[in-house]
PDB file of N, CA and C in Angstrom:
ATOM      1  N   UNK A   1    -132.106 113.285  -4.216  1.00  0.00           N
ATOM      2  CA  UNK A   1    -130.683 113.097  -4.336  1.00  0.00           C
ATOM      3  C   UNK A   1    -130.091 112.420  -3.095  1.00  0.00           C
ATOM      4  N   UNK A   2    -130.671 112.658  -1.945  1.00  0.00           N
ATOM      5  CA  UNK A   2    -130.158 112.084  -0.700  1.00  0.00           C
ATOM      6  C   UNK A   2    -130.152 110.559  -0.752  1.00  0.00           C
ATOM      7  N   UNK A   3    -131.194 109.963  -1.352  1.00  0.00           N
ATOM      8  CA  UNK A   3    -131.251 108.500  -1.420  1.00  0.00           C
ATOM      9  C   UNK A   3    -130.127 107.935  -2.297  1.00  0.00           C
ATOM     10  N   UNK A   4    -129.692 108.673  -3.298  1.00  0.00           N
ATOM     11  CA  UNK A   4    -128.582 108.217  -4.133  1.00  0.00           C
ATOM     12  C   UNK A   4    -127.256 108.265  -3.370  1.00  0.00           C
ATOM     13  N   UNK A   5    -127.127 109.275  -2.528  1.00  0.00           N
ATOM     14  CA  UNK A   5    -125.929 109.364  -1.689  1.00  0.00           C
ATOM     15  C   UNK A   5    -125.886 108.181  -0.733  1.00  0.00           C
ATOM     16  N   UNK A   6    -127.022 107.860  -0.124  1.00  0.00           N
ATOM     17  CA  UNK A   6    -127.103 106.704   0.776  1.00  0.00           C
ATOM     18  C   UNK A   6    -126.781 105.426   0.013  1.00  0.00           C
ATOM     19  N   UNK A   7    -127.334 105.284  -1.196  1.00  0.00           N
ATOM     20  CA  UNK A   7    -127.054 104.106  -2.006  1.00  0.00           C
ATOM     21  C   UNK A   7    -125.557 103.983  -2.268  1.00  0.00           C
ATOM     22  N   UNK A   8    -124.889 105.084  -2.610  1.00  0.00           N
ATOM     23  CA  UNK A   8    -123.453 105.061  -2.868  1.00  0.00           C
ATOM     24  C   UNK A   8    -122.654 104.646  -1.650  1.00  0.00           C
ATOM     25  N   UNK A   9    -123.070 105.142  -0.488  1.00  0.00           N
ATOM     26  CA  UNK A   9    -122.380 104.772   0.756  1.00  0.00           C
ATOM     27  C   UNK A   9    -122.538 103.280   1.021  1.00  0.00           C
ATOM     28  N   UNK A  10    -123.757 102.772   0.875  1.00  0.00           N
ATOM     29  CA  UNK A  10    -124.010 101.346   1.121  1.00  0.00           C
ATOM     30  C   UNK A  10    -123.278 100.505   0.074  1.00  0.00           C
ATOM     31  N   UNK A  11    -123.342 100.898  -1.180  1.00  0.00           N
ATOM     32  CA  UNK A  11    -122.719 100.144  -2.265  1.00  0.00           C
ATOM     33  C   UNK A  11    -121.213 100.020  -2.048  1.00  0.00           C
ATOM     34  N   UNK A  12    -120.535 101.135  -1.845  1.00  0.00           N
ATOM     35  CA  UNK A  12    -119.089 101.073  -1.631  1.00  0.00           C
ATOM     36  C   UNK A  12    -118.743 100.518  -0.262  1.00  0.00           C
ATOM     37  N   UNK A  13    -119.596 100.728   0.728  1.00  0.00           N
ATOM     38  CA  UNK A  13    -119.351 100.176   2.062  1.00  0.00           C
ATOM     39  C   UNK A  13    -119.299  98.664   2.034  1.00  0.00           C
ATOM     40  N   UNK A  14    -120.222  98.053   1.310  1.00  0.00           N
ATOM     41  CA  UNK A  14    -120.228  96.594   1.182  1.00  0.00           C
ATOM     42  C   UNK A  14    -118.958  96.123   0.478  1.00  0.00           C
ATOM     43  N   UNK A  15    -118.561  96.823  -0.578  1.00  0.00           N
ATOM     44  CA  UNK A  15    -117.353  96.456  -1.307  1.00  0.00           C
ATOM     45  C   UNK A  15    -116.113  96.584  -0.430  1.00  0.00           C
ATOM     46  N   UNK A  16    -116.021  97.659   0.347  1.00  0.00           N
ATOM     47  CA  UNK A  16    -114.863  97.846   1.220  1.00  0.00           C
ATOM     48  C   UNK A  16    -114.811  96.801   2.324  1.00  0.00           C
ATOM     49  N   UNK A  17    -115.965  96.463   2.883  1.00  0.00           N
ATOM     50  CA  UNK A  17    -115.997  95.396   3.889  1.00  0.00           C
ATOM     51  C   UNK A  17    -115.543  94.073   3.286  1.00  0.00           C
ATOM     52  N   UNK A  18    -115.936  93.820   2.053  1.00  0.00           N
ATOM     53  CA  UNK A  18    -115.481  92.610   1.373  1.00  0.00           C
ATOM     54  C   UNK A  18    -113.979  92.594   1.164  1.00  0.00           C
ATOM     55  N   UNK A  19    -113.415  93.747   0.822  1.00  0.00           N
ATOM     56  CA  UNK A  19    -111.958  93.826   0.638  1.00  0.00           C
ATOM     57  C   UNK A  19    -111.236  93.560   1.951  1.00  0.00           C
ATOM     58  N   UNK A  20    -111.746  94.138   3.022  1.00  0.00           N
ATOM     59  CA  UNK A  20    -111.133  93.917   4.338  1.00  0.00           C
ATOM     60  C   UNK A  20    -111.254  92.448   4.732  1.00  0.00           C
ATOM     61  N   UNK A  21    -112.421  91.862   4.493  1.00  0.00           N
ATOM     62  CA  UNK A  21    -112.622  90.445   4.786  1.00  0.00           C
ATOM     63  C   UNK A  21    -111.696  89.587   3.935  1.00  0.00           C
ATOM     64  N   UNK A  22    -111.502  89.993   2.678  1.00  0.00           N
ATOM     65  CA  UNK A  22    -110.609  89.261   1.790  1.00  0.00           C
ATOM     66  C   UNK A  22    -109.190  89.213   2.321  1.00  0.00           C
ATOM     67  N   UNK A  23    -108.748  90.299   2.951  1.00  0.00           N
ATOM     68  CA  UNK A  23    -107.422  90.296   3.568  1.00  0.00           C
ATOM     69  C   UNK A  23    -107.349  89.239   4.665  1.00  0.00           C
ATOM     70  N   UNK A  24    -108.437  89.089   5.411  1.00  0.00           N
ATOM     71  CA  UNK A  24    -108.460  88.122   6.509  1.00  0.00           C
ATOM     72  C   UNK A  24    -108.464  86.679   6.022  1.00  0.00           C
ATOM     73  N   UNK A  25    -109.176  86.423   4.937  1.00  0.00           N
ATOM     74  CA  UNK A  25    -109.283  85.038   4.461  1.00  0.00           C
ATOM     75  C   UNK A  25    -108.138  84.647   3.547  1.00  0.00           C
ATOM     76  N   UNK A  26    -107.321  85.634   3.152  1.00  0.00           N
ATOM     77  CA  UNK A  26    -106.226  85.325   2.237  1.00  0.00           C
ATOM     78  C   UNK A  26    -105.287  84.262   2.788  1.00  0.00           C
ATOM     79  N   UNK A  27    -105.117  84.221   4.080  1.00  0.00           N
ATOM     80  CA  UNK A  27    -104.189  83.251   4.665  1.00  0.00           C
ATOM     81  C   UNK A  27    -104.657  81.808   4.476  1.00  0.00           C
ATOM     82  N   UNK A  28    -105.924  81.621   4.124  1.00  0.00           N
ATOM     83  CA  UNK A  28    -106.448  80.271   3.892  1.00  0.00           C
ATOM     84  C   UNK A  28    -106.324  79.844   2.431  1.00  0.00           C
ATOM     85  N   UNK A  29    -105.930  80.775   1.565  1.00  0.00           N
ATOM     86  CA  UNK A  29    -105.729  80.441   0.160  1.00  0.00           C
ATOM     87  C   UNK A  29    -104.387  79.732  -0.005  1.00  0.00           C
ATOM     88  N   UNK A  30    -104.205  79.025  -1.102  1.00  0.00           N
ATOM     89  CA  UNK A  30    -102.893  78.433  -1.351  1.00  0.00           C
ATOM     90  C   UNK A  30    -101.815  79.518  -1.347  1.00  0.00           C
ATOM     91  N   UNK A  31    -100.619  79.154  -0.941  1.00  0.00           N
ATOM     92  CA  UNK A  31     -99.501  80.092  -0.791  1.00  0.00           C
ATOM     93  C   UNK A  31     -99.299  80.936  -2.052  1.00  0.00           C
ATOM     94  N   UNK A  32     -99.506  80.342  -3.187  1.00  0.00           N
ATOM     95  CA  UNK A  32     -99.319  81.017  -4.471  1.00  0.00           C
ATOM     96  C   UNK A  32    -100.177  82.274  -4.604  1.00  0.00           C
ATOM     97  N   UNK A  33    -101.369  82.260  -3.979  1.00  0.00           N
ATOM     98  CA  UNK A  33    -102.308  83.372  -4.084  1.00  0.00           C
ATOM     99  C   UNK A  33    -102.266  84.315  -2.888  1.00  0.00           C
ATOM    100  N   UNK A  34    -101.317  84.180  -1.997  1.00  0.00           N
ATOM    101  CA  UNK A  34    -101.276  85.014  -0.793  1.00  0.00           C
ATOM    102  C   UNK A  34    -100.472  86.288  -1.026  1.00  0.00           C
ATOM    103  N   UNK A  35    -100.911  87.084  -1.963  1.00  0.00           N
ATOM    104  CA  UNK A  35    -100.225  88.336  -2.257  1.00  0.00           C
ATOM    105  C   UNK A  35    -101.198  89.417  -2.721  1.00  0.00           C
ATOM    106  N   UNK A  36    -102.327  89.504  -2.067  1.00  0.00           N
ATOM    107  CA  UNK A  36    -103.313  90.519  -2.416  1.00  0.00           C
ATOM    108  C   UNK A  36    -104.493  89.996  -3.202  1.00  0.00           C
ATOM    109  N   UNK A  37    -104.424  88.750  -3.651  1.00  0.00           N
ATOM    110  CA  UNK A  37    -105.518  88.186  -4.439  1.00  0.00           C
ATOM    111  C   UNK A  37    -106.773  88.018  -3.582  1.00  0.00           C
ATOM    112  N   UNK A  38    -106.590  87.689  -2.294  1.00  0.00           N
ATOM    113  CA  UNK A  38    -107.739  87.554  -1.396  1.00  0.00           C
ATOM    114  C   UNK A  38    -108.531  88.841  -1.299  1.00  0.00           C
ATOM    115  N   UNK A  39    -107.831  89.959  -1.313  1.00  0.00           N
ATOM    116  CA  UNK A  39    -108.503  91.257  -1.276  1.00  0.00           C
ATOM    117  C   UNK A  39    -109.345  91.459  -2.525  1.00  0.00           C
ATOM    118  N   UNK A  40    -108.792  91.069  -3.675  1.00  0.00           N
ATOM    119  CA  UNK A  40    -109.552  91.193  -4.922  1.00  0.00           C
ATOM    120  C   UNK A  40    -110.796  90.313  -4.902  1.00  0.00           C
ATOM    121  N   UNK A  41    -110.637  89.074  -4.424  1.00  0.00           N
ATOM    122  CA  UNK A  41    -111.794  88.184  -4.344  1.00  0.00           C
ATOM    123  C   UNK A  41    -112.835  88.720  -3.362  1.00  0.00           C
ATOM    124  N   UNK A  42    -112.371  89.181  -2.204  1.00  0.00           N
ATOM    125  CA  UNK A  42    -113.303  89.729  -1.217  1.00  0.00           C
ATOM    126  C   UNK A  42    -114.076  90.914  -1.771  1.00  0.00           C
ATOM    127  N   UNK A  43    -113.373  91.829  -2.414  1.00  0.00           N
ATOM    128  CA  UNK A  43    -114.029  93.003  -2.997  1.00  0.00           C
ATOM    129  C   UNK A  43    -114.962  92.592  -4.140  1.00  0.00           C
ATOM    130  N   UNK A  44    -114.524  91.645  -4.951  1.00  0.00           N
ATOM    131  CA  UNK A  44    -115.348  91.200  -6.070  1.00  0.00           C
ATOM    132  C   UNK A  44    -116.625  90.513  -5.628  1.00  0.00           C
ATOM    133  N   UNK A  45    -116.532  89.671  -4.625  1.00  0.00           N
ATOM    134  CA  UNK A  45    -117.726  88.993  -4.109  1.00  0.00           C
ATOM    135  C   UNK A  45    -118.657  90.005  -3.447  1.00  0.00           C
ATOM    136  N   UNK A  46    -118.093  90.929  -2.686  1.00  0.00           N
ATOM    137  CA  UNK A  46    -118.920  91.959  -2.055  1.00  0.00           C
ATOM    138  C   UNK A  46    -119.591  92.825  -3.108  1.00  0.00           C
ATOM    139  N   UNK A  47    -118.882  93.147  -4.177  1.00  0.00           N
ATOM    140  CA  UNK A  47    -119.491  93.929  -5.255  1.00  0.00           C
ATOM    141  C   UNK A  47    -120.625  93.156  -5.911  1.00  0.00           C
ATOM    142  N   UNK A  48    -120.442  91.851  -6.104  1.00  0.00           N
ATOM    143  CA  UNK A  48    -121.492  91.019  -6.687  1.00  0.00           C
ATOM    144  C   UNK A  48    -122.735  91.015  -5.796  1.00  0.00           C
ATOM    145  N   UNK A  49    -122.530  90.882  -4.489  1.00  0.00           N
ATOM    146  CA  UNK A  49    -123.655  90.901  -3.545  1.00  0.00           C
ATOM    147  C   UNK A  49    -124.334  92.266  -3.552  1.00  0.00           C
ATOM    148  N   UNK A  50    -123.534  93.311  -3.580  1.00  0.00           N
ATOM    149  CA  UNK A  50    -124.078  94.664  -3.602  1.00  0.00           C
ATOM    150  C   UNK A  50    -124.899  94.914  -4.870  1.00  0.00           C
ATOM    151  N   UNK A  51    -124.360  94.503  -6.015  1.00  0.00           N
ATOM    152  CA  UNK A  51    -125.089  94.677  -7.270  1.00  0.00           C
ATOM    153  C   UNK A  51    -126.356  93.834  -7.296  1.00  0.00           C
ATOM    154  N   UNK A  52    -126.269  92.625  -6.761  1.00  0.00           N
ATOM    155  CA  UNK A  52    -127.465  91.785  -6.683  1.00  0.00           C
ATOM    156  C   UNK A  52    -128.533  92.475  -5.838  1.00  0.00           C
ATOM    157  N   UNK A  53    -128.111  93.053  -4.733  1.00  0.00           N
ATOM    158  CA  UNK A  53    -129.048  93.757  -3.849  1.00  0.00           C
ATOM    159  C   UNK A  53    -129.728  94.903  -4.576  1.00  0.00           C
ATOM    160  N   UNK A  54    -128.950  95.644  -5.366  1.00  0.00           N
ATOM    161  CA  UNK A  54    -129.532  96.749  -6.128  1.00  0.00           C
ATOM    162  C   UNK A  54    -130.606  96.270  -7.085  1.00  0.00           C
ATOM    163  N   UNK A  55    -130.345  95.166  -7.784  1.00  0.00           N
ATOM    164  CA  UNK A  55    -131.355  94.614  -8.688  1.00  0.00           C
ATOM    165  C   UNK A  55    -132.548  94.060  -7.941  1.00  0.00           C
ATOM    166  N   UNK A  56    -132.293  93.431  -6.789  1.00  0.00           N
ATOM    167  CA  UNK A  56    -133.387  92.846  -6.004  1.00  0.00           C
ATOM    168  C   UNK A  56    -134.313  93.930  -5.463  1.00  0.00           C
ATOM    169  N   UNK A  57    -133.743  95.048  -5.053  1.00  0.00           N
ATOM    170  CA  UNK A  57    -134.551  96.142  -4.509  1.00  0.00           C
ATOM    171  C   UNK A  57    -135.489  96.702  -5.570  1.00  0.00           C
ATOM    172  N   UNK A  58    -135.054  96.705  -6.817  1.00  0.00           N
ATOM    173  CA  UNK A  58    -135.919  97.209  -7.887  1.00  0.00           C
ATOM    174  C   UNK A  58    -137.002  96.199  -8.258  1.00  0.00           C
ATOM    175  N   UNK A  59    -136.855  94.973  -7.773  1.00  0.00           N
ATOM    176  CA  UNK A  59    -137.830  93.938  -8.093  1.00  0.00           C
ATOM    177  C   UNK A  59    -137.530  93.232  -9.410  1.00  0.00           C
ATOM    178  N   UNK A  60    -136.425  93.569 -10.032  1.00  0.00           N
ATOM    179  CA  UNK A  60    -136.042  92.945 -11.293  1.00  0.00           C
ATOM    180  C   UNK A  60    -135.098  91.788 -10.999  1.00  0.00           C
ATOM    181  N   UNK A  61    -135.653  90.581 -10.947  1.00  0.00           N
ATOM    182  CA  UNK A  61    -134.834  89.419 -10.622  1.00  0.00           C
ATOM    183  C   UNK A  61    -133.892  89.063 -11.757  1.00  0.00           C
ATOM    184  N   UNK A  62    -134.294  89.357 -13.005  1.00  0.00           N
ATOM    185  CA  UNK A  62    -133.373  89.139 -14.123  1.00  0.00           C
ATOM    186  C   UNK A  62    -132.151  90.036 -13.974  1.00  0.00           C
ATOM    187  N   UNK A  63    -132.370  91.295 -13.624  1.00  0.00           N
ATOM    188  CA  UNK A  63    -131.259  92.217 -13.399  1.00  0.00           C
ATOM    189  C   UNK A  63    -130.403  91.751 -12.228  1.00  0.00           C
ATOM    190  N   UNK A  64    -131.048  91.360 -11.126  1.00  0.00           N
ATOM    191  CA  UNK A  64    -130.316  90.962  -9.922  1.00  0.00           C
ATOM    192  C   UNK A  64    -129.433  89.753 -10.190  1.00  0.00           C
ATOM    193  N   UNK A  65    -130.005  88.684 -10.716  1.00  0.00           N
ATOM    194  CA  UNK A  65    -129.230  87.458 -10.915  1.00  0.00           C
ATOM    195  C   UNK A  65    -128.288  87.548 -12.114  1.00  0.00           C
ATOM    196  N   UNK A  66    -128.701  88.262 -13.158  1.00  0.00           N
ATOM    197  CA  UNK A  66    -127.818  88.459 -14.297  1.00  0.00           C
ATOM    198  C   UNK A  66    -126.555  89.215 -13.900  1.00  0.00           C
ATOM    199  N   UNK A  67    -126.731  90.264 -13.111  1.00  0.00           N
ATOM    200  CA  UNK A  67    -125.586  91.044 -12.643  1.00  0.00           C
ATOM    201  C   UNK A  67    -124.716  90.205 -11.714  1.00  0.00           C
ATOM    202  N   UNK A  68    -125.332  89.462 -10.812  1.00  0.00           N
ATOM    203  CA  UNK A  68    -124.591  88.602  -9.893  1.00  0.00           C
ATOM    204  C   UNK A  68    -123.735  87.604 -10.666  1.00  0.00           C
ATOM    205  N   UNK A  69    -124.323  86.936 -11.628  1.00  0.00           N
ATOM    206  CA  UNK A  69    -123.594  85.936 -12.411  1.00  0.00           C
ATOM    207  C   UNK A  69    -122.468  86.599 -13.198  1.00  0.00           C
ATOM    208  N   UNK A  70    -122.743  87.746 -13.797  1.00  0.00           N
ATOM    209  CA  UNK A  70    -121.708  88.461 -14.541  1.00  0.00           C
ATOM    210  C   UNK A  70    -120.542  88.869 -13.656  1.00  0.00           C
ATOM    211  N   UNK A  71    -120.849  89.353 -12.458  1.00  0.00           N
ATOM    212  CA  UNK A  71    -119.783  89.745 -11.525  1.00  0.00           C
ATOM    213  C   UNK A  71    -118.941  88.543 -11.109  1.00  0.00           C
ATOM    214  N   UNK A  72    -119.590  87.421 -10.861  1.00  0.00           N
ATOM    215  CA  UNK A  72    -118.851  86.229 -10.439  1.00  0.00           C
ATOM    216  C   UNK A  72    -117.998  85.671 -11.578  1.00  0.00           C
ATOM    217  N   UNK A  73    -118.510  85.739 -12.807  1.00  0.00           N
ATOM    218  CA  UNK A  73    -117.719  85.285 -13.956  1.00  0.00           C
ATOM    219  C   UNK A  73    -116.471  86.157 -14.103  1.00  0.00           C
ATOM    220  N   UNK A  74    -116.631  87.453 -13.895  1.00  0.00           N
ATOM    221  CA  UNK A  74    -115.484  88.363 -14.011  1.00  0.00           C
ATOM    222  C   UNK A  74    -114.395  88.022 -13.006  1.00  0.00           C
ATOM    223  N   UNK A  75    -114.765  87.446 -11.865  1.00  0.00           N
ATOM    224  CA  UNK A  75    -113.763  87.061 -10.868  1.00  0.00           C
ATOM    225  C   UNK A  75    -112.832  85.955 -11.366  1.00  0.00           C
ATOM    226  N   UNK A  76    -113.243  85.236 -12.391  1.00  0.00           N
ATOM    227  CA  UNK A  76    -112.374  84.199 -12.960  1.00  0.00           C
ATOM    228  C   UNK A  76    -111.110  84.795 -13.564  1.00  0.00           C
ATOM    229  N   UNK A  77    -111.156  86.077 -13.902  1.00  0.00           N
ATOM    230  CA  UNK A  77    -109.989  86.716 -14.495  1.00  0.00           C
ATOM    231  C   UNK A  77    -108.888  87.004 -13.472  1.00  0.00           C
ATOM    232  N   UNK A  78    -109.216  86.987 -12.191  1.00  0.00           N
ATOM    233  CA  UNK A  78    -108.198  87.264 -11.168  1.00  0.00           C
ATOM    234  C   UNK A  78    -107.096  86.196 -11.180  1.00  0.00           C
ATOM    235  N   UNK A  79    -107.410  84.901 -11.050  1.00  0.00           N
ATOM    236  CA  UNK A  79    -106.325  83.916 -11.098  1.00  0.00           C
ATOM    237  C   UNK A  79    -105.669  83.827 -12.474  1.00  0.00           C
ATOM    238  N   UNK A  80    -106.445  84.060 -13.534  1.00  0.00           N
ATOM    239  CA  UNK A  80    -105.863  84.041 -14.877  1.00  0.00           C
ATOM    240  C   UNK A  80    -104.830  85.155 -15.005  1.00  0.00           C
ATOM    241  N   UNK A  81    -105.159  86.336 -14.529  1.00  0.00           N
ATOM    242  CA  UNK A  81    -104.216  87.454 -14.569  1.00  0.00           C
ATOM    243  C   UNK A  81    -102.981  87.158 -13.723  1.00  0.00           C
ATOM    244  N   UNK A  82    -103.194  86.575 -12.553  1.00  0.00           N
ATOM    245  CA  UNK A  82    -102.080  86.247 -11.663  1.00  0.00           C
ATOM    246  C   UNK A  82    -101.111  85.287 -12.335  1.00  0.00           C
ATOM    247  N   UNK A  83    -101.636  84.276 -12.969  1.00  0.00           N
ATOM    248  CA  UNK A  83    -100.796  83.294 -13.670  1.00  0.00           C
ATOM    249  C   UNK A  83    -100.069  83.960 -14.837  1.00  0.00           C
ATOM    250  N   UNK A  84    -100.782  84.763 -15.610  1.00  0.00           N
ATOM    251  CA  UNK A  84    -100.172  85.456 -16.739  1.00  0.00           C
ATOM    252  C   UNK A  84     -99.060  86.390 -16.267  1.00  0.00           C
ATOM    253  N   UNK A  85     -99.326  87.142 -15.214  1.00  0.00           N
ATOM    254  CA  UNK A  85     -98.348  88.095 -14.685  1.00  0.00           C
ATOM    255  C   UNK A  85     -97.088  87.375 -14.210  1.00  0.00           C
ATOM    256  N   UNK A  86     -97.240  86.217 -13.604  1.00  0.00           N
ATOM    257  CA  UNK A  86     -96.092  85.454 -13.115  1.00  0.00           C
ATOM    258  C   UNK A  86     -95.270  84.872 -14.282  1.00  0.00           C
ATOM    259  N   UNK A  87     -95.938  84.542 -15.380  1.00  0.00           N
ATOM    260  CA  UNK A  87     -95.231  83.994 -16.524  1.00  0.00           C
ATOM    261  C   UNK A  87     -94.543  85.069 -17.362  1.00  0.00           C
ATOM    262  N   UNK A  88     -95.057  86.302 -17.280  1.00  0.00           N
ATOM    263  CA  UNK A  88     -94.516  87.414 -18.071  1.00  0.00           C
ATOM    264  C   UNK A  88     -94.217  88.600 -17.158  1.00  0.00           C
ATOM    265  N   UNK A  89     -93.144  88.517 -16.382  1.00  0.00           N
ATOM    266  CA  UNK A  89     -92.857  89.608 -15.425  1.00  0.00           C
ATOM    267  C   UNK A  89     -92.450  90.922 -16.054  1.00  0.00           C
TER     268      UNK A  89
END
């Protein structure tokens, strides 16, 4: 059970570091997206890397890359949601 606790700490730790990094890089995004979207992208990319790592550690490259691609595709919904939210307040 201890190894699962360590995995959880590493998994969420990577995601949280990505969110913090996303706050830092948000200022480089277009002005339209400078309202928390950078945090979502940072967390999403970190989650994708974390999930890829989990698949890579198991030796299942299909799992690793499939999960990575799925996570990155899901990030496309962030700007779509932002645009939708702005059009329908």
